[in-house]
Amino acid sequence: MRLGGLARQAALQGGLGVGANRYRNPDDDLPADFEAQRIPYYQALKLPLEADRFIANLQAEMREALRILDAGMPRNLGVKSAGSGIRRPGSR
């Protein structure tokens, strides 16, 4: 089964019910030849083989997204601040 087949399989398995995926075995979703073909699968998904590099890349993406959000928030007219939630003496 190739990546297209994985996508179809994942779509079919989505009907298990809310929260049911929590109890699934993730190994059941891998192609039978995954260990033998690990490198081509990772290359097809454009993912690094090393977990540390994957995590570092993901953290960098998240930091950049938060930086953009933080920079744009004050100028976004659609965002209203709810305040800090701290009541000061004499305020209502």
Protein backbone atom coordinates (compact mmCIF):
# COMPACT_ATOMS: atom_id res chain seq x y z
CA MET A 1 0.00 0.00 0.00
CA ARG A 2 1.44 3.37 -0.99
CA LEU A 3 0.76 6.81 0.50
CA GLY A 4 -2.46 7.27 -1.50
CA GLY A 5 -3.74 4.03 -0.02
CA LEU A 6 -2.78 5.23 3.44
CA ALA A 7 -4.85 8.37 2.98
CA ARG A 8 -7.88 6.33 1.91
CA GLN A 9 -7.40 3.94 4.82
CA ALA A 10 -7.13 6.84 7.27
CA ALA A 11 -10.33 8.38 5.89
CA LEU A 12 -12.19 5.10 6.33
CA GLN A 13 -10.93 4.67 9.87
CA GLY A 14 -12.17 8.12 10.81
CA GLY A 15 -15.68 6.75 11.42
CA LEU A 16 -14.78 4.93 14.63
CA GLY A 17 -16.38 7.50 16.91
CA VAL A 18 -15.20 10.44 18.96
CA GLY A 19 -12.10 9.58 20.96
CA ALA A 20 -11.83 6.04 19.59
CA ASN A 21 -8.52 6.72 17.83
CA ARG A 22 -6.93 7.17 21.24
CA TYR A 23 -7.05 3.39 21.69
CA ARG A 24 -5.78 2.45 18.24
CA ASN A 25 -2.40 0.86 17.69
CA PRO A 26 -0.47 3.29 15.45
CA ASP A 27 1.56 0.37 14.06
CA ASP A 28 -1.66 -0.90 12.41
CA ASP A 29 -1.67 2.20 10.20
CA LEU A 30 1.81 1.61 8.77
CA PRO A 31 2.35 -0.16 5.46
CA ALA A 32 3.51 -3.77 5.84
CA ASP A 33 6.85 -2.88 4.22
CA PHE A 34 7.45 0.22 6.35
CA GLU A 35 10.66 -0.95 8.05
CA ALA A 36 12.19 -2.09 4.77
CA GLN A 37 11.08 1.08 2.95
CA ARG A 38 11.43 3.62 5.79
CA ILE A 39 13.77 5.98 3.92
CA PRO A 40 11.61 6.30 0.76
CA TYR A 41 8.50 6.87 2.92
CA TYR A 42 10.22 9.63 4.90
CA GLN A 43 11.52 11.17 1.68
CA ALA A 44 8.03 11.10 0.14
CA LEU A 45 6.69 12.91 3.21
CA LYS A 46 9.67 15.31 3.20
CA LEU A 47 10.50 14.42 6.81
CA PRO A 48 13.93 13.98 8.39
CA LEU A 49 14.86 10.51 9.61
CA GLU A 50 16.30 11.87 12.86
CA ALA A 51 13.75 12.60 15.61
CA ASP A 52 15.86 15.45 17.06
CA ARG A 53 15.89 17.23 13.69
CA PHE A 54 12.14 16.67 13.22
CA ILE A 55 11.46 18.21 16.65
CA ALA A 56 13.84 21.14 16.05
CA ASN A 57 12.17 21.87 12.67
CA LEU A 58 8.70 21.71 14.22
CA GLN A 59 9.73 24.00 17.09
CA ALA A 60 11.21 26.51 14.63
CA GLU A 61 7.96 26.50 12.59
CA MET A 62 5.92 27.05 15.75
CA ARG A 63 8.18 29.87 16.97
CA GLU A 64 7.89 31.63 13.60
CA ALA A 65 4.10 31.25 13.56
CA LEU A 66 3.85 32.66 17.09
CA ARG A 67 6.16 35.53 16.16
CA ILE A 68 3.91 36.42 13.22
CA LEU A 69 0.80 36.15 15.40
CA ASP A 70 2.37 38.29 18.11
CA ALA A 71 3.49 40.94 15.61
CA GLY A 72 0.09 41.13 13.92
CA MET A 73 -2.16 40.99 16.98
CA PRO A 74 -1.94 44.68 18.00
CA ARG A 75 -2.81 45.83 14.45
CA ASN A 76 -5.65 43.35 13.92
CA LEU A 77 -8.91 45.32 14.21
CA GLY A 78 -10.89 42.08 14.52
CA VAL A 79 -9.21 41.21 17.82
CA LYS A 80 -10.50 42.69 21.06
CA SER A 81 -8.56 42.23 24.27
CA ALA A 82 -10.51 40.72 27.15
CA GLY A 83 -7.97 42.18 29.56
CA SER A 84 -5.86 40.26 32.03
CA GLY A 85 -8.81 38.97 34.04
CA ILE A 86 -7.40 40.60 37.18
CA ARG A 87 -9.79 42.88 39.05
CA ARG A 88 -8.27 45.91 40.62
CA PRO A 89 -9.71 47.51 43.75
CA GLY A 90 -12.42 49.98 42.83
CA SER A 91 -12.93 48.61 39.28
CA ARG A 92 -16.08 46.89 38.04
